[in-house]
N, C-alpha and C. Protein backbone atom coordinates (compact mmCIF):
# COMPACT_ATOMS: atom_id res chain seq x y z
N MET A 1 97.78 14.35 -13.06
CA MET A 1 98.52 14.07 -11.64
C MET A 1 98.37 15.19 -10.73
N PRO A 2 98.16 15.14 -9.58
CA PRO A 2 98.10 16.41 -8.44
C PRO A 2 99.49 16.83 -8.32
N THR A 3 99.28 18.00 -8.27
CA THR A 3 100.78 18.85 -7.60
C THR A 3 100.76 18.99 -6.16
N PHE A 4 101.88 18.91 -5.48
CA PHE A 4 101.60 18.71 -3.98
C PHE A 4 103.22 19.25 -3.29
N GLU A 5 103.24 19.77 -2.34
CA GLU A 5 104.65 19.97 -1.73
C GLU A 5 105.17 18.79 -1.38
N SER A 6 106.28 18.54 -1.40
CA SER A 6 107.17 17.36 -1.18
C SER A 6 107.19 17.19 0.47
N LEU A 7 107.39 15.72 0.61
CA LEU A 7 107.24 15.69 2.12
C LEU A 7 108.32 16.18 2.79
N GLU A 8 109.41 16.16 2.30
CA GLU A 8 110.53 17.09 3.13
C GLU A 8 110.29 18.38 3.44
N SER A 9 109.30 19.28 2.68
CA SER A 9 109.15 20.83 2.92
C SER A 9 107.91 20.53 3.86
N VAL A 10 106.91 19.61 3.65
CA VAL A 10 105.87 19.74 4.65
C VAL A 10 106.45 19.57 6.04
N ARG A 11 107.17 18.40 6.23
CA ARG A 11 107.80 18.10 7.60
C ARG A 11 108.47 19.20 8.20
N ALA A 12 109.15 19.83 7.35
CA ALA A 12 109.90 21.15 7.75
C ALA A 12 109.12 22.06 8.28
N GLU A 13 107.65 22.24 8.31
CA GLU A 13 106.89 23.09 8.74
C GLU A 13 106.26 22.55 9.95
N LEU A 14 106.52 21.35 10.08
CA LEU A 14 105.64 20.68 11.49
C LEU A 14 106.23 20.76 12.75
N PRO A 15 105.60 20.67 13.69
CA PRO A 15 106.53 20.76 14.98
C PRO A 15 106.86 19.26 15.52
N LEU A 16 106.62 18.16 14.81
CA LEU A 16 106.61 16.87 15.38
C LEU A 16 108.15 16.47 15.66
N LEU A 17 108.26 15.42 16.46
CA LEU A 17 109.51 15.17 17.02
C LEU A 17 109.63 13.71 16.52
N ILE A 18 109.26 13.12 15.68
CA ILE A 18 109.37 11.89 14.88
C ILE A 18 108.45 11.65 13.88
N TRP A 19 109.02 11.12 12.78
CA TRP A 19 108.36 10.85 11.61
C TRP A 19 107.79 9.56 11.34
N THR A 20 106.53 9.65 10.48
CA THR A 20 106.09 8.23 10.30
C THR A 20 106.78 7.31 9.37
N PRO A 21 107.31 5.95 9.93
CA PRO A 21 108.22 5.10 8.59
C PRO A 21 107.39 5.04 7.68
N GLN A 22 108.13 4.75 6.58
CA GLN A 22 107.71 4.72 5.39
C GLN A 22 107.08 3.09 4.99
N SER A 23 107.24 2.36 6.12
CA SER A 23 106.48 0.96 5.98
C SER A 23 105.00 0.97 6.42
N TRP A 24 104.74 2.32 7.20
CA TRP A 24 103.38 2.60 7.36
C TRP A 24 102.70 3.07 5.87
N ALA A 25 103.41 3.73 5.46
CA ALA A 25 102.78 4.52 4.12
C ALA A 25 102.73 3.27 3.05
N ALA A 26 103.53 2.07 3.00
CA ALA A 26 103.41 1.20 2.10
C ALA A 26 102.11 0.33 2.60
N LEU A 27 101.98 -0.06 3.97
CA LEU A 27 100.91 -0.82 4.46
C LEU A 27 99.48 -0.10 3.96
N ALA A 28 99.46 1.18 4.27
CA ALA A 28 98.27 1.80 3.78
C ALA A 28 97.92 1.85 2.44
N ALA A 29 98.98 2.18 1.66
CA ALA A 29 98.85 1.83 0.30
C ALA A 29 98.31 0.53 -0.28
N ASP A 30 98.56 -0.44 0.46
CA ASP A 30 98.38 -1.69 0.10
C ASP A 30 96.61 -2.09 0.41
N ASN A 31 96.34 -1.17 1.60
CA ASN A 31 95.16 -1.30 2.19
C ASN A 31 94.29 -0.06 2.13
N LEU A 32 94.20 0.75 0.81
CA LEU A 32 93.47 1.86 0.96
C LEU A 32 92.07 1.84 1.41
N GLY A 33 91.29 0.79 0.93
CA GLY A 33 90.07 0.59 1.51
C GLY A 33 89.80 1.00 3.29
N THR A 34 90.56 0.07 3.61
CA THR A 34 90.76 0.53 5.14
C THR A 34 90.95 1.70 5.93
N PHE A 35 92.15 2.29 5.19
CA PHE A 35 92.73 3.56 5.30
C PHE A 35 91.32 4.79 5.13
N LEU A 36 90.86 4.53 4.13
CA LEU A 36 89.71 5.60 3.80
C LEU A 36 88.57 5.71 4.61
N ALA A 37 88.35 4.09 5.06
CA ALA A 37 86.98 3.94 5.64
C ALA A 37 87.17 4.64 7.24
N ASP A 38 88.63 4.58 7.55
CA ASP A 38 89.13 5.09 8.94
C ASP A 38 89.14 6.47 9.04
N HIS A 39 89.69 6.97 7.51
CA HIS A 39 89.61 8.54 7.64
C HIS A 39 88.41 8.98 7.68
N ALA A 40 87.24 8.49 7.08
CA ALA A 40 86.05 8.91 7.29
C ALA A 40 85.54 9.39 8.74
N ILE A 41 85.93 8.24 9.20
CA ILE A 41 85.34 8.28 10.83
C ILE A 41 86.38 9.60 11.61
N CYS A 42 87.50 9.61 11.16
CA CYS A 42 88.41 10.69 11.67
C CYS A 42 88.02 12.10 11.42
N GLU A 43 87.42 12.04 10.31
CA GLU A 43 86.67 13.75 9.91
C GLU A 43 85.59 14.01 10.61
N GLN A 44 84.78 12.97 10.74
CA GLN A 44 83.51 13.04 11.62
C GLN A 44 83.69 13.54 12.93
N GLN A 45 85.08 12.63 13.50
CA GLN A 45 85.39 13.04 14.87
C GLN A 45 85.99 14.68 15.08
N ALA A 46 86.67 14.88 14.07
CA ALA A 46 87.28 16.41 14.15
C ALA A 46 86.15 17.18 14.38
N ALA A 47 85.03 17.09 13.22
CA ALA A 47 84.28 18.20 13.25
C ALA A 47 83.57 18.12 14.83
N VAL A 48 83.10 16.88 15.28
CA VAL A 48 82.53 16.90 16.44
C VAL A 48 83.28 17.48 17.50
N PHE A 49 84.76 17.31 17.67
CA PHE A 49 85.62 17.92 18.66
C PHE A 49 85.68 19.44 18.57
N GLY A 50 85.69 19.74 17.07
CA GLY A 50 85.53 21.26 17.14
C GLY A 50 84.23 21.81 17.71
N LEU A 51 83.15 21.43 17.47
CA LEU A 51 81.72 21.57 18.04
C LEU A 51 81.69 21.71 19.39
N SER A 52 82.58 20.40 19.97
CA SER A 52 82.29 20.36 21.55
C SER A 52 83.26 21.47 22.16
N LEU A 53 84.09 22.01 21.64
CA LEU A 53 84.91 23.10 22.00
C LEU A 53 84.11 24.28 22.01
N ILE A 54 83.40 24.50 21.03
CA ILE A 54 82.60 25.43 21.21
C ILE A 54 81.52 25.64 22.22
N GLY A 55 81.01 24.16 22.58
CA GLY A 55 80.13 23.79 23.68
C GLY A 55 80.87 24.33 25.15
N HIS A 56 81.88 24.10 25.10
CA HIS A 56 82.80 24.30 26.36
C HIS A 56 83.10 25.58 26.70
N TYR A 57 83.23 26.31 25.62
CA TYR A 57 83.65 27.61 25.63
C TYR A 57 83.04 28.67 25.10
N PRO A 58 81.67 28.65 25.00
CA PRO A 58 80.69 29.66 24.04
C PRO A 58 81.18 31.18 24.25
N ASP A 59 82.07 31.41 25.49
CA ASP A 59 82.39 32.68 25.40
C ASP A 59 83.47 33.38 25.20
N ASP A 60 84.10 32.35 24.41
CA ASP A 60 85.39 32.84 23.52
C ASP A 60 85.09 33.01 21.93
N ALA A 61 84.84 34.14 21.81
CA ALA A 61 84.24 34.76 20.60
C ALA A 61 85.39 34.23 19.40
N ASP A 62 86.75 34.21 19.67
CA ASP A 62 87.80 33.80 18.71
C ASP A 62 87.76 32.30 18.58
N LEU A 63 87.45 31.49 19.75
CA LEU A 63 87.71 30.19 19.36
C LEU A 63 86.15 29.59 18.83
N VAL A 64 85.02 30.22 19.37
CA VAL A 64 83.83 30.08 18.38
C VAL A 64 83.76 30.33 16.84
N VAL A 65 84.10 31.16 16.53
CA VAL A 65 84.52 31.62 15.15
C VAL A 65 85.36 30.50 14.34
N GLU A 66 86.50 30.23 14.87
CA GLU A 66 87.64 29.28 14.27
C GLU A 66 87.17 27.96 14.49
N MET A 67 86.61 27.31 15.59
CA MET A 67 86.18 25.93 15.49
C MET A 67 84.86 25.93 14.47
N GLY A 68 84.07 26.81 14.57
CA GLY A 68 82.89 26.75 13.50
C GLY A 68 83.22 26.46 12.18
N LYS A 69 84.44 27.26 11.73
CA LYS A 69 84.85 27.06 10.45
C LYS A 69 85.53 25.74 10.20
N LEU A 70 86.37 25.16 11.49
CA LEU A 70 86.98 23.93 10.98
C LEU A 70 85.90 22.79 11.18
N ALA A 71 85.12 22.73 12.07
CA ALA A 71 83.78 21.99 11.87
C ALA A 71 83.43 21.79 10.56
N ALA A 72 82.89 23.09 9.93
CA ALA A 72 82.40 22.91 8.64
C ALA A 72 83.16 22.25 7.53
N GLU A 73 84.64 22.85 7.51
CA GLU A 73 85.55 22.31 6.75
C GLU A 73 85.84 20.77 6.71
N GLU A 74 85.70 20.23 8.34
CA GLU A 74 85.69 18.78 8.22
C GLU A 74 84.78 18.04 7.90
N VAL A 75 83.39 18.38 8.17
CA VAL A 75 82.40 17.87 7.50
C VAL A 75 82.36 17.97 6.02
N SER A 76 82.96 18.90 5.23
CA SER A 76 82.99 19.11 3.77
C SER A 76 84.25 17.75 3.59
N HIS A 77 85.02 17.56 4.40
CA HIS A 77 86.17 16.60 3.93
C HIS A 77 85.47 15.17 3.98
N LEU A 78 84.67 15.02 5.24
CA LEU A 78 83.77 13.62 5.49
C LEU A 78 83.03 13.38 4.07
N ARG A 79 82.28 14.41 3.77
CA ARG A 79 81.37 14.23 2.76
C ARG A 79 82.12 13.66 1.19
N ARG A 80 83.51 14.33 1.25
CA ARG A 80 84.07 13.68 0.31
C ARG A 80 84.51 12.50 0.15
N VAL A 81 85.15 12.36 1.35
CA VAL A 81 85.70 10.79 1.74
C VAL A 81 84.59 10.00 1.34
N ALA A 82 83.45 10.09 1.89
CA ALA A 82 82.21 9.14 2.05
C ALA A 82 81.82 8.86 0.56
N SER A 83 81.93 10.14 -0.25
CA SER A 83 81.56 9.94 -1.59
C SER A 83 82.68 9.09 -2.30
N LEU A 84 83.75 9.29 -1.88
CA LEU A 84 84.85 8.39 -2.79
C LEU A 84 84.46 6.68 -2.13
N LEU A 85 84.38 6.69 -0.92
CA LEU A 85 84.15 5.33 -0.66
C LEU A 85 82.85 4.77 -1.13
N HIS A 86 81.72 5.67 -1.36
CA HIS A 86 80.46 5.05 -1.90
C HIS A 86 80.99 4.62 -3.57
N ARG A 87 81.82 5.29 -4.14
CA ARG A 87 81.99 5.03 -5.55
C ARG A 87 82.75 3.49 -5.61
N ARG A 88 83.47 3.26 -4.44
CA ARG A 88 84.35 1.89 -4.50
C ARG A 88 83.63 0.67 -3.71
N GLY A 89 82.42 1.25 -3.36
CA GLY A 89 81.69 0.21 -2.97
C GLY A 89 81.99 -0.14 -1.28
N LEU A 90 82.45 0.91 -0.74
CA LEU A 90 82.99 0.82 0.43
C LEU A 90 82.18 1.76 1.49
N ALA A 91 82.11 1.64 3.10
CA ALA A 91 81.65 2.12 3.86
C ALA A 91 82.51 2.78 4.92
N PRO A 92 82.22 3.95 5.62
CA PRO A 92 83.05 4.34 6.60
C PRO A 92 83.27 3.08 7.70
N SER A 93 84.19 3.44 8.48
CA SER A 93 84.31 2.56 9.71
C SER A 93 83.15 2.78 10.62
N GLY A 94 82.81 1.67 11.54
CA GLY A 94 82.16 2.03 12.61
C GLY A 94 83.04 2.67 13.64
N LYS A 95 82.21 3.14 14.86
CA LYS A 95 83.21 3.54 16.02
C LYS A 95 84.13 2.37 16.57
N ARG A 96 85.37 2.99 16.57
CA ARG A 96 86.57 2.02 17.21
C ARG A 96 87.45 2.78 18.01
N GLY A 97 88.16 2.19 18.53
CA GLY A 97 89.13 2.81 19.65
C GLY A 97 90.47 3.44 18.88
N ASN A 98 91.04 4.60 19.22
CA ASN A 98 92.18 5.01 18.64
C ASN A 98 93.34 4.96 19.57
N PRO A 99 94.14 4.02 19.83
CA PRO A 99 95.00 3.93 20.82
C PRO A 99 95.89 5.14 20.92
N TRP A 100 96.38 5.63 19.67
CA TRP A 100 97.44 6.99 19.91
C TRP A 100 96.51 8.13 20.51
N VAL A 101 95.03 8.72 20.06
CA VAL A 101 94.68 9.16 20.63
C VAL A 101 94.33 9.34 22.10
N GLN A 102 93.93 8.01 22.34
CA GLN A 102 93.99 7.68 23.71
C GLN A 102 95.02 7.96 24.66
N ALA A 103 96.26 7.80 23.95
CA ALA A 103 97.59 7.95 24.81
C ALA A 103 97.77 9.42 25.02
N LEU A 104 97.14 10.05 24.15
CA LEU A 104 97.29 11.75 24.31
C LEU A 104 96.39 12.04 25.23
N ARG A 105 95.05 11.70 25.26
CA ARG A 105 94.02 12.25 26.29
C ARG A 105 94.20 11.99 27.62
N LYS A 106 94.90 10.82 27.86
CA LYS A 106 95.07 10.39 29.18
C LYS A 106 96.29 11.30 29.73
N ASN A 107 96.97 12.15 29.10
CA ASN A 107 97.97 13.17 29.67
C ASN A 107 97.31 14.51 29.90
N MET A 108 95.93 14.49 29.61
CA MET A 108 95.45 15.95 29.59
C MET A 108 95.05 16.25 31.10
N GLU A 109 95.43 17.57 31.47
CA GLU A 109 95.22 17.92 32.67
C GLU A 109 93.46 18.20 33.05
N THR A 110 92.96 17.73 34.07
CA THR A 110 91.31 17.64 34.12
C THR A 110 90.86 18.40 35.36
N ASN A 111 91.57 19.00 36.39
CA ASN A 111 91.32 19.76 37.31
C ASN A 111 91.39 20.94 37.47
N ARG A 112 92.13 21.61 36.70
CA ARG A 112 92.65 22.81 36.56
C ARG A 112 92.29 23.84 35.26
N SER A 113 91.82 24.97 35.95
CA SER A 113 91.81 25.86 34.55
C SER A 113 92.92 27.22 34.62
N PRO A 114 93.38 27.59 33.65
CA PRO A 114 93.14 27.34 32.12
C PRO A 114 93.62 25.91 31.58
N MET A 115 94.40 25.43 32.42
CA MET A 115 95.22 24.18 32.06
C MET A 115 94.29 23.43 30.71
N LEU A 116 93.22 22.88 31.55
CA LEU A 116 92.39 21.79 30.69
C LEU A 116 92.04 22.31 29.31
N LYS A 117 91.54 23.67 29.14
CA LYS A 117 91.43 24.25 27.94
C LYS A 117 92.72 24.21 27.12
N VAL A 118 93.85 24.54 27.61
CA VAL A 118 95.16 24.66 26.80
C VAL A 118 95.39 22.95 26.19
N ASP A 119 95.29 22.22 27.21
CA ASP A 119 95.51 20.63 27.00
C ASP A 119 94.36 20.02 25.56
N ARG A 120 93.45 20.69 25.77
CA ARG A 120 92.34 20.25 24.81
C ARG A 120 92.59 20.68 23.48
N LEU A 121 93.26 22.16 23.33
CA LEU A 121 93.45 22.83 22.28
C LEU A 121 94.81 22.17 21.59
N LEU A 122 95.86 21.89 22.51
CA LEU A 122 97.11 21.10 22.12
C LEU A 122 97.06 19.97 21.59
N VAL A 123 96.03 19.06 22.17
CA VAL A 123 95.72 17.83 21.68
C VAL A 123 95.16 17.87 20.27
N GLY A 124 94.32 18.88 20.22
CA GLY A 124 93.76 19.07 18.71
C GLY A 124 94.80 19.19 17.62
N ALA A 125 95.87 20.32 18.22
CA ALA A 125 96.88 20.56 17.26
C ALA A 125 97.67 19.45 16.90
N LEU A 126 97.95 18.65 17.83
CA LEU A 126 98.52 17.41 17.27
C LEU A 126 98.15 16.46 16.66
N ILE A 127 96.67 16.33 16.68
CA ILE A 127 96.16 15.52 16.00
C ILE A 127 96.22 15.82 14.36
N GLU A 128 96.24 17.37 14.29
CA GLU A 128 95.94 17.91 12.99
C GLU A 128 97.34 17.69 12.47
N ALA A 129 98.21 17.86 13.06
CA ALA A 129 99.55 18.14 12.72
C ALA A 129 99.94 16.67 12.23
N ARG A 130 99.95 15.66 13.10
CA ARG A 130 99.94 14.32 12.70
C ARG A 130 99.33 13.90 11.56
N SER A 131 98.05 14.26 11.24
CA SER A 131 97.22 13.85 10.33
C SER A 131 98.05 14.51 8.92
N CYS A 132 98.50 15.66 8.93
CA CYS A 132 99.24 16.43 7.98
C CYS A 132 100.37 15.76 7.13
N GLU A 133 101.10 15.06 8.47
CA GLU A 133 102.21 14.49 8.01
C GLU A 133 102.18 12.95 7.62
N ARG A 134 101.04 12.59 7.87
CA ARG A 134 100.66 10.98 7.60
C ARG A 134 100.00 11.25 6.03
N PHE A 135 99.10 12.26 5.76
CA PHE A 135 98.65 12.48 4.69
C PHE A 135 99.73 12.82 3.63
N THR A 136 100.46 13.28 3.71
CA THR A 136 101.60 13.55 2.78
C THR A 136 102.53 12.56 2.61
N THR A 137 102.90 11.77 3.65
CA THR A 137 103.78 10.37 3.84
C THR A 137 103.20 9.66 2.65
N LEU A 138 101.76 9.22 2.85
CA LEU A 138 101.06 8.44 2.10
C LEU A 138 100.89 9.03 0.59
N LEU A 139 100.75 10.11 0.50
CA LEU A 139 100.61 10.72 -0.89
C LEU A 139 101.90 10.17 -1.85
N GLU A 140 103.03 10.41 -1.04
CA GLU A 140 104.09 10.19 -1.87
C GLU A 140 104.03 8.79 -2.57
N GLU A 141 103.63 7.82 -1.67
CA GLU A 141 103.67 6.51 -1.97
C GLU A 141 102.49 6.08 -2.93
N ILE A 142 101.39 7.00 -3.13
CA ILE A 142 100.15 6.35 -4.21
C ILE A 142 100.17 7.33 -4.94
N THR A 143 100.61 8.36 -5.39
CA THR A 143 100.73 9.28 -6.19
C THR A 143 100.42 8.48 -7.80
N ASP A 144 101.49 7.70 -8.29
CA ASP A 144 101.29 6.99 -9.54
C ASP A 144 100.35 5.71 -9.40
N ARG A 145 99.96 5.36 -8.20
CA ARG A 145 99.30 4.21 -8.12
C ARG A 145 97.39 4.33 -8.13
N ASP A 146 97.04 5.49 -7.50
CA ASP A 146 95.71 5.81 -7.21
C ASP A 146 95.57 7.38 -7.40
N PRO A 147 95.57 8.13 -8.62
CA PRO A 147 95.46 9.40 -8.43
C PRO A 147 94.37 10.07 -7.94
N GLU A 148 93.14 9.40 -7.81
CA GLU A 148 92.04 9.92 -7.03
C GLU A 148 92.20 10.22 -5.71
N VAL A 149 92.64 9.18 -5.19
CA VAL A 149 93.26 9.31 -3.59
C VAL A 149 94.13 10.31 -3.55
N ALA A 150 95.03 10.34 -4.18
CA ALA A 150 96.25 11.15 -4.14
C ALA A 150 95.73 12.89 -4.38
N SER A 151 94.76 12.99 -5.33
CA SER A 151 94.23 14.11 -5.27
C SER A 151 93.61 14.55 -3.88
N LEU A 152 92.65 13.59 -3.43
CA LEU A 152 92.26 13.84 -2.08
C LEU A 152 93.16 14.39 -1.00
N LEU A 153 94.12 13.57 -0.83
CA LEU A 153 95.22 14.03 0.30
C LEU A 153 96.04 15.15 -0.14
N ALA A 154 96.07 15.69 -1.57
CA ALA A 154 97.04 16.77 -1.75
C ALA A 154 96.27 18.05 -1.28
N ASP A 155 94.77 18.08 -1.30
CA ASP A 155 94.01 18.92 -0.88
C ASP A 155 93.78 19.12 0.70
N LEU A 156 94.00 17.95 1.22
CA LEU A 156 93.56 17.82 2.65
C LEU A 156 94.72 18.03 3.61
N GLY A 157 95.89 17.72 2.95
CA GLY A 157 97.20 17.93 3.72
C GLY A 157 97.36 19.52 4.37
N PRO A 158 97.47 20.30 3.28
CA PRO A 158 97.49 21.71 3.66
C PRO A 158 96.21 21.91 4.51
N ALA A 159 95.02 21.49 4.49
CA ALA A 159 94.05 21.97 5.49
C ALA A 159 94.49 21.39 6.88
N GLU A 160 94.98 20.20 7.06
CA GLU A 160 95.43 19.90 8.36
C GLU A 160 96.55 20.88 8.79
N LYS A 161 97.34 21.31 8.01
CA LYS A 161 98.22 22.24 8.51
C LYS A 161 97.74 23.57 9.04
N ARG A 162 96.66 24.05 8.35
CA ARG A 162 95.97 25.14 8.84
C ARG A 162 95.58 24.84 10.05
N HIS A 163 94.91 23.88 10.54
CA HIS A 163 93.87 23.56 11.48
C HIS A 163 95.04 23.49 12.76
N TRP A 164 95.92 22.53 12.61
CA TRP A 164 97.11 22.74 13.75
C TRP A 164 97.54 23.94 14.16
N GLN A 165 97.69 24.64 13.18
CA GLN A 165 98.10 25.97 13.46
C GLN A 165 97.18 26.93 14.31
N THR A 166 95.83 26.76 13.67
CA THR A 166 94.71 27.41 14.53
C THR A 166 94.85 27.06 16.02
N PHE A 167 94.76 25.70 16.12
CA PHE A 167 94.62 25.02 17.57
C PHE A 167 95.72 25.79 18.45
N HIS A 168 96.93 25.56 17.85
CA HIS A 168 98.32 26.11 18.59
C HIS A 168 98.00 27.57 19.14
N ARG A 169 97.45 28.44 17.92
CA ARG A 169 97.61 29.86 18.18
C ARG A 169 96.42 30.15 19.28
N LEU A 170 95.11 29.32 19.24
CA LEU A 170 94.04 29.49 20.38
C LEU A 170 94.55 29.07 21.70
N ALA A 171 95.49 28.01 21.87
CA ALA A 171 95.87 27.53 23.02
C ALA A 171 96.91 28.71 23.57
N ALA A 172 97.78 29.40 22.75
CA ALA A 172 98.80 30.20 23.24
C ALA A 172 98.27 31.37 23.87
N ARG A 173 97.03 31.71 23.62
CA ARG A 173 96.47 32.89 24.34
C ARG A 173 96.06 32.83 25.69
N GLU A 174 96.06 31.38 26.22
CA GLU A 174 95.57 31.22 27.71
C GLU A 174 96.48 31.39 28.59
N ILE A 175 97.91 31.35 28.57
CA ILE A 175 99.01 31.27 29.65
C ILE A 175 100.18 31.87 29.04
N ASP A 176 100.99 32.46 30.06
CA ASP A 176 102.18 33.20 29.45
C ASP A 176 103.05 32.67 28.62
N PRO A 177 104.01 33.11 27.59
CA PRO A 177 104.83 32.26 26.70
C PRO A 177 105.59 31.45 27.30
N GLU A 178 106.37 31.61 28.36
CA GLU A 178 107.33 30.61 28.83
C GLU A 178 106.51 29.35 29.10
N ARG A 179 105.82 29.68 29.93
CA ARG A 179 104.62 28.47 30.43
C ARG A 179 104.06 27.70 29.19
N PHE A 180 103.56 28.39 28.12
CA PHE A 180 102.99 27.56 27.09
C PHE A 180 104.00 27.03 26.12
N ALA A 181 105.20 27.52 26.25
CA ALA A 181 106.41 26.80 25.18
C ALA A 181 106.89 25.58 26.22
N GLU A 182 106.75 25.59 27.35
CA GLU A 182 107.10 24.29 28.22
C GLU A 182 106.08 23.35 28.24
N ARG A 183 104.81 23.64 28.25
CA ARG A 183 103.62 22.89 27.84
C ARG A 183 103.56 22.26 26.57
N TRP A 184 103.65 23.01 25.64
CA TRP A 184 103.94 22.58 24.20
C TRP A 184 105.02 21.38 24.04
N GLN A 185 106.25 21.88 24.51
CA GLN A 185 107.33 20.90 24.60
C GLN A 185 106.96 19.43 25.17
N ARG A 186 106.05 19.45 26.29
CA ARG A 186 105.67 18.31 26.98
C ARG A 186 104.72 17.52 26.15
N TRP A 187 103.84 18.30 25.55
CA TRP A 187 102.88 17.49 24.60
C TRP A 187 103.54 17.08 23.43
N LEU A 188 104.69 17.38 22.86
CA LEU A 188 105.24 17.11 21.86
C LEU A 188 106.13 15.78 22.08
N THR A 189 106.59 15.82 23.31
CA THR A 189 107.10 14.54 23.78
C THR A 189 106.32 13.38 24.11
N ILE A 190 105.24 13.69 24.54
CA ILE A 190 104.16 12.74 24.51
C ILE A 190 103.83 12.34 23.52
N GLU A 191 103.56 12.99 22.37
CA GLU A 191 103.08 12.64 21.06
C GLU A 191 103.99 11.68 20.42
N ARG A 192 105.43 11.94 20.76
CA ARG A 192 106.43 11.55 20.01
C ARG A 192 106.44 9.89 20.61
N ASP A 193 106.27 9.73 21.82
CA ASP A 193 106.17 8.55 22.54
C ASP A 193 105.01 7.68 22.06
N ALA A 194 104.01 8.00 22.10
CA ALA A 194 102.80 7.51 21.58
C ALA A 194 103.11 7.04 19.99
N CYS A 195 103.49 7.89 19.05
CA CYS A 195 103.73 7.52 17.66
C CYS A 195 104.63 6.22 17.67
N ALA A 196 105.67 6.37 18.23
CA ALA A 196 106.67 5.33 18.36
C ALA A 196 106.19 4.01 18.68
N GLN A 197 105.17 3.90 19.17
CA GLN A 197 104.28 2.71 19.12
C GLN A 197 103.66 2.44 18.21
N GLY A 198 103.09 3.28 16.91
CA GLY A 198 102.22 3.05 16.25
C GLY A 198 102.86 2.72 14.70
N GLY A 199 102.29 3.06 13.62
CA GLY A 199 102.98 2.70 12.18
C GLY A 199 102.79 1.43 11.92
N VAL A 200 101.70 0.55 12.50
CA VAL A 200 101.69 -0.81 12.37
C VAL A 200 100.25 -1.23 11.94
N ARG A 201 99.40 -0.10 11.64
CA ARG A 201 98.20 -0.50 11.22
C ARG A 201 97.93 0.25 9.97
N PRO A 202 97.00 -0.01 8.96
CA PRO A 202 96.69 0.97 7.89
C PRO A 202 95.45 1.93 7.86
N THR A 203 95.62 2.31 9.22
CA THR A 203 94.62 3.67 9.60
C THR A 203 95.47 4.77 9.78
N VAL A 204 94.59 6.10 9.66
CA VAL A 204 95.17 7.22 9.81
C VAL A 204 96.05 7.52 10.87
N HIS A 205 95.73 6.88 11.98
CA HIS A 205 96.94 7.14 13.07
C HIS A 205 97.34 5.75 13.55
N GLY A 206 97.19 4.65 12.99
CA GLY A 206 97.42 3.39 13.23
C GLY A 206 98.84 3.09 13.29
């Protein structure tokens, strides 16, 4: 049986303003094939997002290094999830809409620099933080039911924690601390409201 941090301790280190209902974990646990198939696509998209940031900001050496590492780790996660799916006779999901991510992205600044960069990075932080919380919430539900998936989530949760902290740190370099704190609080509120509409599908952010 894998060892892992308790859900309470993980949540204590996350900045999120609302927690995933346990009913979502029960739903995802009963539909692990759907969850894992969606999870594979999420890992792919996370890798692509990291690489896209390198393309947007090639002169930011710190960002290039960190996003290169993040993208490589996300690809390794994708390979691990894809291998698990293959062993179970399943395939990753096809391209699909993600209403929660769409709700975040529609609130991004698009006309001003450096706010677009800040917002891109803070959206990345929120995606990783929510994934960390979701993985740990599901982990507690399935530890005794599916040790193989539990082992996967026990490894990936801490990685998502590192990733949200990296995004947050990179964003904080761009504007003064007071303005950054206000911007981050705004994003946390947006994420809270978007998350309150979810928890009804057995997908990573459903």
